[in-house]
Amino acid sequence: MSEPPVLLSKWYEYTKWVISRVDQFPKNQRFILGQRLVDTSLDIQECLIEGAYSRGVTKRDQLSTANRKIEQTRLRGQGSRLRGQANSNVSDSLAGA
């Protein structure tokens, strides 16, 4: 069996990182913002898997969906930093700062 595409490996590592960081969120935000970030990260992983092993329009659609969800995740990270709801190191990392 061949190696998975690099993007899948990188996203898997990112997803593990997000899950570990969500544990550092304040309790009142862990189950709202934190769960949303984890769910979106897992949704992106599903889209990337589908896109990696598809062809044509299906591949394009899956990767386009993943791209939109990545942008949503980045903006949620910025939003948490602006509201001061997450530890600044966590929210800066999630926002790509």
Protein backbone atom coordinates (compact mmCIF):
# COMPACT_ATOMS: atom_id res chain seq x y z
CA MET A 1 0.00 0.00 0.00
CA SER A 2 1.35 3.44 -0.89
CA GLU A 3 1.89 6.33 1.49
CA PRO A 4 -1.10 8.65 2.06
CA PRO A 5 -0.89 12.07 0.43
CA VAL A 6 1.23 14.54 2.40
CA LEU A 7 -1.75 16.83 2.99
CA LEU A 8 -3.64 14.03 4.76
CA SER A 9 -0.69 13.34 7.03
CA LYS A 10 -0.26 17.02 7.84
CA TRP A 11 -3.96 17.53 8.50
CA TYR A 12 -4.05 14.46 10.75
CA GLU A 13 -1.24 15.98 12.83
CA TYR A 14 -3.05 19.33 12.92
CA THR A 15 -6.27 17.63 14.07
CA LYS A 16 -4.41 15.90 16.91
CA TRP A 17 -2.92 19.27 17.86
CA VAL A 18 -6.32 21.02 17.85
CA ILE A 19 -7.82 18.33 20.07
CA SER A 20 -4.99 18.72 22.58
CA ARG A 21 -5.30 22.53 22.52
CA VAL A 22 -9.05 22.52 23.08
CA ASP A 23 -8.36 20.95 26.46
CA GLN A 24 -6.65 24.23 27.41
CA PHE A 25 -9.69 26.39 26.62
CA PRO A 26 -11.58 27.87 29.56
CA LYS A 27 -14.31 25.50 30.70
CA ASN A 28 -17.13 27.79 29.58
CA GLN A 29 -15.80 27.77 25.99
CA ARG A 30 -14.40 24.26 25.74
CA PHE A 31 -17.75 22.72 24.91
CA ILE A 32 -18.96 25.51 22.61
CA LEU A 33 -16.07 26.88 20.59
CA GLY A 34 -13.74 23.98 21.31
CA GLN A 35 -16.14 21.28 20.18
CA ARG A 36 -16.95 23.28 17.06
CA LEU A 37 -13.24 23.52 16.18
CA VAL A 38 -12.71 19.80 16.70
CA ASP A 39 -15.82 18.88 14.69
CA THR A 40 -14.80 21.15 11.82
CA SER A 41 -11.28 19.77 11.84
CA LEU A 42 -12.64 16.23 11.57
CA ASP A 43 -15.03 17.31 8.78
CA ILE A 44 -12.07 18.75 6.88
CA GLN A 45 -10.18 15.50 7.32
CA GLU A 46 -13.12 13.62 5.79
CA CYS A 47 -13.25 16.01 2.81
CA LEU A 48 -9.51 15.66 2.26
CA ILE A 49 -9.72 11.88 2.33
CA GLU A 50 -12.59 11.89 -0.17
CA GLY A 51 -10.76 14.40 -2.37
CA ALA A 52 -7.46 12.55 -2.24
CA TYR A 53 -8.97 9.35 -3.55
CA SER A 54 -11.48 10.83 -6.03
CA ARG A 55 -11.16 12.14 -9.55
CA GLY A 56 -12.58 14.96 -11.61
CA VAL A 57 -15.51 17.03 -10.37
CA THR A 58 -15.86 15.03 -7.16
CA LYS A 59 -12.24 15.71 -6.26
CA ARG A 60 -12.61 19.42 -7.01
CA ASP A 61 -15.82 19.66 -4.98
CA GLN A 62 -14.37 17.88 -1.95
CA LEU A 63 -11.20 19.96 -1.95
CA SER A 64 -13.21 23.15 -2.40
CA THR A 65 -15.37 22.21 0.58
CA ALA A 66 -12.25 21.48 2.64
CA ASN A 67 -10.81 24.85 1.68
CA ARG A 68 -13.96 26.69 2.85
CA LYS A 69 -13.97 24.79 6.12
CA ILE A 70 -10.29 25.57 6.70
CA GLU A 71 -11.07 29.26 6.30
CA GLN A 72 -13.97 28.94 8.76
CA THR A 73 -11.66 27.27 11.28
CA ARG A 74 -9.08 30.03 10.89
CA LEU A 75 -11.71 32.71 11.42
CA ARG A 76 -13.08 30.95 14.53
CA GLY A 77 -9.58 30.98 15.95
CA GLN A 78 -9.32 34.71 15.30
CA GLY A 79 -12.74 35.26 16.82
CA SER A 80 -11.80 33.46 20.01
CA ARG A 81 -8.68 35.61 20.31
CA LEU A 82 -10.66 38.83 19.81
CA ARG A 83 -13.17 37.84 22.49
CA GLY A 84 -10.39 36.77 24.83
CA GLN A 85 -12.12 33.44 25.33
CA ALA A 86 -9.12 31.25 24.72
CA ASN A 87 -5.59 31.34 25.96
CA SER A 88 -3.77 33.80 23.67
CA ASN A 89 -1.18 31.22 22.56
CA VAL A 90 -3.91 28.77 21.63
CA SER A 91 -6.06 31.25 19.74
CA ASP A 92 -3.03 32.79 17.98
CA SER A 93 -1.99 29.34 16.77
CA LEU A 94 -5.50 28.45 15.63
CA ALA A 95 -5.79 31.75 13.78
CA GLY A 96 -2.47 31.26 12.02
CA ALA A 97 -0.93 34.35 13.62
